C-alpha atoms as a PDB file:
ATOM      1  CA  MET A   1      67.510   7.386 -39.324  1.00  0.00           C
ATOM      2  CA  ARG A   2      69.715  10.092 -37.864  1.00  0.00           C
ATOM      3  CA  PHE A   3      66.679  12.399 -37.771  1.00  0.00           C
ATOM      4  CA  LEU A   4      64.655   9.811 -35.830  1.00  0.00           C
ATOM      5  CA  LEU A   5      67.523   9.323 -33.416  1.00  0.00           C
ATOM      6  CA  ARG A   6      67.672  13.073 -32.793  1.00  0.00           C
ATOM      7  CA  ILE A   7      63.927  13.161 -32.139  1.00  0.00           C
ATOM      8  CA  ALA A   8      64.196  10.192 -29.769  1.00  0.00           C
ATOM      9  CA  LEU A   9      67.066  11.866 -27.925  1.00  0.00           C
ATOM     10  CA  MET A  10      65.138  15.132 -27.783  1.00  0.00           C
ATOM     11  CA  PHE A  11      62.029  13.440 -26.322  1.00  0.00           C
ATOM     12  CA  GLY A  12      64.219  11.587 -23.835  1.00  0.00           C
ATOM     13  CA  ALA A  13      65.794  14.857 -22.693  1.00  0.00           C
ATOM     14  CA  ILE A  14      62.375  16.515 -22.435  1.00  0.00           C
ATOM     15  CA  SER A  15      60.894  13.688 -20.377  1.00  0.00           C
ATOM     16  CA  MET A  16      63.940  13.688 -18.076  1.00  0.00           C
ATOM     17  CA  SER A  17      63.501  17.442 -17.663  1.00  0.00           C
ATOM     18  CA  PHE A  18      59.830  16.978 -16.709  1.00  0.00           C
ATOM     19  CA  ALA A  19      60.727  14.236 -14.252  1.00  0.00           C
ATOM     20  CA  SER A  20      63.334  16.366 -12.477  1.00  0.00           C
ATOM     21  CA  SER A  21      61.145  19.476 -12.415  1.00  0.00           C
ATOM     22  CA  ALA A  22      58.250  17.444 -11.012  1.00  0.00           C
ATOM     23  CA  ARG A  23      60.419  16.753  -7.942  1.00  0.00           C
ATOM     24  CA  GLU A  24      61.282  20.430  -7.499  1.00  0.00           C
ATOM     25  CA  ILE A  25      58.758  22.669  -5.783  1.00  0.00           C
ATOM     26  CA  ASP A  26      57.854  26.053  -7.192  1.00  0.00           C
ATOM     27  CA  TYR A  27      57.456  27.822  -3.849  1.00  0.00           C
ATOM     28  CA  GLN A  28      56.125  31.067  -5.354  1.00  0.00           C
ATOM     29  CA  ARG A  29      53.415  29.154  -7.175  1.00  0.00           C
ATOM     30  CA  THR A  30      52.606  27.155  -4.037  1.00  0.00           C
ATOM     31  CA  ILE A  31      52.271  30.210  -1.768  1.00  0.00           C
ATOM     32  CA  THR A  32      50.120  31.890  -4.438  1.00  0.00           C
ATOM     33  CA  ARG A  33      47.841  28.844  -4.567  1.00  0.00           C
ATOM     34  CA  VAL A  34      47.598  28.841  -0.783  1.00  0.00           C
ATOM     35  CA  ALA A  35      46.575  32.525  -0.858  1.00  0.00           C
ATOM     36  CA  ARG A  36      43.979  31.838  -3.576  1.00  0.00           C
ATOM     37  CA  ASP A  37      42.477  29.045  -1.502  1.00  0.00           C
ATOM     38  CA  ILE A  38      42.340  31.313   1.558  1.00  0.00           C
ATOM     39  CA  ALA A  39      40.496  33.913  -0.550  1.00  0.00           C
ATOM     40  CA  LYS A  40      37.919  31.238  -1.433  1.00  0.00           C
ATOM     41  CA  LEU A  41      37.029  30.996   2.275  1.00  0.00           C
ATOM     42  CA  LYS A  42      35.621  34.553   2.358  1.00  0.00           C
ATOM     43  CA  GLY A  43      32.018  33.344   2.127  1.00  0.00           C
ATOM     44  CA  ASP A  44      32.420  31.236   5.265  1.00  0.00           C
ATOM     45  CA  PHE A  45      34.537  33.619   7.342  1.00  0.00           C
ATOM     46  CA  PRO A  46      33.479  37.295   7.524  1.00  0.00           C
ATOM     47  CA  GLN A  47      36.865  38.175   9.034  1.00  0.00           C
ATOM     48  CA  LEU A  48      38.398  37.522   5.591  1.00  0.00           C
ATOM     49  CA  ALA A  49      36.351  40.363   4.051  1.00  0.00           C
ATOM     50  CA  ASP A  50      39.441  42.451   3.242  1.00  0.00           C
ATOM     51  CA  PHE A  51      41.745  39.608   2.204  1.00  0.00           C
ATOM     52  CA  SER A  52      43.214  40.029  -1.271  1.00  0.00           C
ATOM     53  CA  LEU A  53      46.143  38.552  -3.112  1.00  0.00           C
ATOM     54  CA  ALA A  54      47.253  42.015  -4.222  1.00  0.00           C
ATOM     55  CA  GLN A  55      47.463  43.326  -0.635  1.00  0.00           C
ATOM     56  CA  ASN A  56      48.278  40.279   1.477  1.00  0.00           C
ATOM     57  CA  LEU A  57      50.432  38.010  -0.676  1.00  0.00           C
ATOM     58  CA  GLN A  58      54.140  38.686  -1.160  1.00  0.00           C
ATOM     59  CA  ALA A  59      54.900  35.801  -3.515  1.00  0.00           C
ATOM     60  CA  LYS A  60      58.553  36.686  -4.118  1.00  0.00           C
ATOM     61  CA  GLU A  61      59.175  36.790  -0.376  1.00  0.00           C
ATOM     62  CA  LEU A  62      57.051  33.616   0.091  1.00  0.00           C
ATOM     63  CA  LYS A  63      54.776  35.372   2.625  1.00  0.00           C
ATOM     64  CA  ILE A  64      51.109  35.928   3.343  1.00  0.00           C
ATOM     65  CA  SER A  65      50.185  38.386   6.086  1.00  0.00           C
ATOM     66  CA  TYR A  66      46.673  39.540   6.936  1.00  0.00           C
ATOM     67  CA  GLY A  67      44.946  41.504   9.647  1.00  0.00           C
ATOM     68  CA  TYR A  68      41.282  42.412   9.999  1.00  0.00           C
ATOM     69  CA  HIS A  69      39.927  44.546  12.840  1.00  0.00           C
ATOM     70  CA  THR A  70      43.178  44.548  14.777  1.00  0.00           C
ATOM     71  CA  HIS A  71      44.894  46.806  17.284  1.00  0.00           C
ATOM     72  CA  GLN A  72      48.374  47.223  18.718  1.00  0.00           C
ATOM     73  CA  ALA A  73      49.145  44.739  21.467  1.00  0.00           C
ATOM     74  CA  GLY A  74      48.612  46.084  24.968  1.00  0.00           C
ATOM     75  CA  ARG A  75      51.375  44.016  26.546  1.00  0.00           C
ATOM     76  CA  THR A  76      55.058  43.422  26.021  1.00  0.00           C
ATOM     77  CA  GLY A  77      56.927  40.147  25.762  1.00  0.00           C
ATOM     78  CA  GLY A  78      56.236  37.117  23.622  1.00  0.00           C
ATOM     79  CA  TRP A  79      55.535  37.002  19.915  1.00  0.00           C
ATOM     80  CA  THR A  80      51.938  38.229  20.281  1.00  0.00           C
ATOM     81  CA  SER A  81      53.192  41.582  21.574  1.00  0.00           C
ATOM     82  CA  GLY A  82      54.991  42.246  18.295  1.00  0.00           C
ATOM     83  CA  VAL A  83      52.095  41.663  15.923  1.00  0.00           C
ATOM     84  CA  PRO A  84      48.644  43.174  15.468  1.00  0.00           C
ATOM     85  CA  ASN A  85      46.163  41.695  17.932  1.00  0.00           C
ATOM     86  CA  PRO A  86      42.599  41.039  16.793  1.00  0.00           C
ATOM     87  CA  ASP A  87      39.532  42.802  18.123  1.00  0.00           C
ATOM     88  CA  GLU A  88      36.653  40.543  19.216  1.00  0.00           C
ATOM     89  CA  ASP A  89      35.575  40.141  15.565  1.00  0.00           C
ATOM     90  CA  GLY A  90      39.058  40.234  14.038  1.00  0.00           C
ATOM     91  CA  VAL A  91      41.898  38.011  12.946  1.00  0.00           C
ATOM     92  CA  TRP A  92      45.599  38.237  12.236  1.00  0.00           C
ATOM     93  CA  PHE A  93      47.671  35.553  10.576  1.00  0.00           C
ATOM     94  CA  TYR A  94      51.070  35.138   9.011  1.00  0.00           C
ATOM     95  CA  ILE A  95      52.332  32.356   6.763  1.00  0.00           C
ATOM     96  CA  ASP A  96      55.728  32.013   5.182  1.00  0.00           C
ATOM     97  CA  PHE A  97      58.056  29.461   3.675  1.00  0.00           C
ATOM     98  CA  HIS A  98      61.658  29.901   4.810  1.00  0.00           C
ATOM     99  CA  ASP A  99      65.047  28.242   5.120  1.00  0.00           C
ATOM    100  CA  PRO A 100      65.056  25.729   8.001  1.00  0.00           C
ATOM    101  CA  GLY A 101      68.179  27.385   9.421  1.00  0.00           C
ATOM    102  CA  SER A 102      66.607  30.847   9.671  1.00  0.00           C
ATOM    103  CA  THR A 103      67.152  32.611  12.990  1.00  0.00           C
ATOM    104  CA  ALA A 104      64.685  35.440  12.291  1.00  0.00           C
ATOM    105  CA  GLN A 105      62.578  36.053  15.401  1.00  0.00           C
ATOM    106  CA  ILE A 106      59.338  35.160  13.619  1.00  0.00           C
ATOM    107  CA  HIS A 107      60.834  31.796  12.652  1.00  0.00           C
ATOM    108  CA  THR A 108      61.962  30.856  16.152  1.00  0.00           C
ATOM    109  CA  GLN A 109      58.522  30.810  17.766  1.00  0.00           C
ATOM    110  CA  PRO A 110      57.541  27.558  19.471  1.00  0.00           C
ATOM    111  CA  MET A 111      55.296  25.312  17.415  1.00  0.00           C
ATOM    112  CA  SER A 112      53.669  22.037  18.415  1.00  0.00           C
ATOM    113  CA  ALA A 113      55.107  20.303  15.351  1.00  0.00           C
ATOM    114  CA  PRO A 114      57.521  21.669  12.741  1.00  0.00           C
ATOM    115  CA  ILE A 115      55.813  21.924   9.362  1.00  0.00           C
ATOM    116  CA  CYS A 116      57.659  21.743   6.032  1.00  0.00           C
ATOM    117  CA  ILE A 117      56.910  21.989   2.336  1.00  0.00           C
ATOM    118  CA  GLY A 118      59.740  20.392   0.413  1.00  0.00           C
ATOM    119  CA  GLY A 119      62.998  21.774   1.754  1.00  0.00           C
ATOM    120  CA  LYS A 120      61.376  24.879   3.297  1.00  0.00           C
ATOM    121  CA  ARG A 121      60.027  25.331   6.789  1.00  0.00           C
ATOM    122  CA  VAL A 122      56.503  26.754   7.099  1.00  0.00           C
ATOM    123  CA  SER A 123      55.594  29.388   9.680  1.00  0.00           C
ATOM    124  CA  PHE A 124      51.891  29.705  10.393  1.00  0.00           C
ATOM    125  CA  LEU A 125      51.009  32.073  13.227  1.00  0.00           C
ATOM    126  CA  SER A 126      47.439  33.103  13.939  1.00  0.00           C
ATOM    127  CA  LEU A 127      45.479  35.164  16.436  1.00  0.00           C
ATOM    128  CA  GLU A 128      41.663  35.135  16.362  1.00  0.00           C
ATOM    129  CA  GLY A 129      39.068  37.278  18.077  1.00  0.00           C
ATOM    130  CA  ALA A 130      36.749  35.655  20.610  1.00  0.00           C
ATOM    131  CA  ARG A 131      33.645  36.322  18.495  1.00  0.00           C
ATOM    132  CA  THR A 132      34.880  34.769  15.245  1.00  0.00           C
ATOM    133  CA  SER A 133      34.588  31.314  13.790  1.00  0.00           C
ATOM    134  CA  SER A 134      38.047  29.799  13.938  1.00  0.00           C
ATOM    135  CA  LEU A 135      39.862  30.004  10.635  1.00  0.00           C
ATOM    136  CA  SER A 136      43.101  28.290  11.681  1.00  0.00           C
ATOM    137  CA  GLY A 137      41.917  24.740  10.998  1.00  0.00           C
ATOM    138  CA  SER A 138      40.791  25.660   7.486  1.00  0.00           C
ATOM    139  CA  ILE A 139      44.121  27.319   6.725  1.00  0.00           C
ATOM    140  CA  ALA A 140      45.998  24.307   8.122  1.00  0.00           C
ATOM    141  CA  LYS A 141      43.999  22.068   5.748  1.00  0.00           C
ATOM    142  CA  ILE A 142      44.899  24.338   2.824  1.00  0.00           C
ATOM    143  CA  LEU A 143      48.591  24.143   3.722  1.00  0.00           C
ATOM    144  CA  LYS A 144      48.361  20.365   3.961  1.00  0.00           C
ATOM    145  CA  ARG A 145      46.600  20.164   0.590  1.00  0.00           C
ATOM    146  CA  HIS A 146      49.529  22.079  -0.911  1.00  0.00           C
ATOM    147  CA  GLY A 147      52.148  19.762   0.492  1.00  0.00           C
ATOM    148  CA  ALA A 148      52.722  20.773   4.114  1.00  0.00           C
ATOM    149  CA  THR A 149      53.757  17.835   6.269  1.00  0.00           C
ATOM    150  CA  ASP A 150      55.456  17.167   9.561  1.00  0.00           C
ATOM    151  CA  CYS A 151      59.152  17.930   8.926  1.00  0.00           C
ATOM    152  CA  ALA A 152      60.098  14.532  10.328  1.00  0.00           C
ATOM    153  CA  HIS A 153      58.530  12.815   7.300  1.00  0.00           C
END
C-alpha cells in the first residue's frame, strides 16, 4: 500500500509539473520555431534565398535578423537610418522577444499596436524593396501562430 501511495504521489507531482510548465513559455524554442517557419517561406519569396537558422537566428538572445540585397542607409535620422536598407529586390527584417521595460533604441520604435508573447514584448521591424512581394504579412501570421497577441489581451 505504501508503494502505491508513493506512485500516486509521484504521478501527482509529475502532472502538476507538466501543468505548470505548460503555462511557461520556452522563448528560445518559440523563436527557433518562428525562424524555421520563416525558412519554409523561401519557395514563395526569392528575397529569403540566403535565410538560414545558422546565420540569422540568435536563439539565446531571442533574435532573428536578416538582410538580403541591402545597402547602408543614405539618410540620417529615424530608425531606418540605422539599419541596412533594401535594394529594389531586397529585404531587411528584425524580430526579437524582450523585456517590456527595455529602453534599448530598437525597442522604443513606434508600433501601431504593441505585440507580446507571454511576458515578453515582440519587436518586428521590416523594410522591403519596391520590386519584392511583401513578406511582412506572412511573418506576422507566423508570429501570431506562435502566440503573438496584442499586449492588451
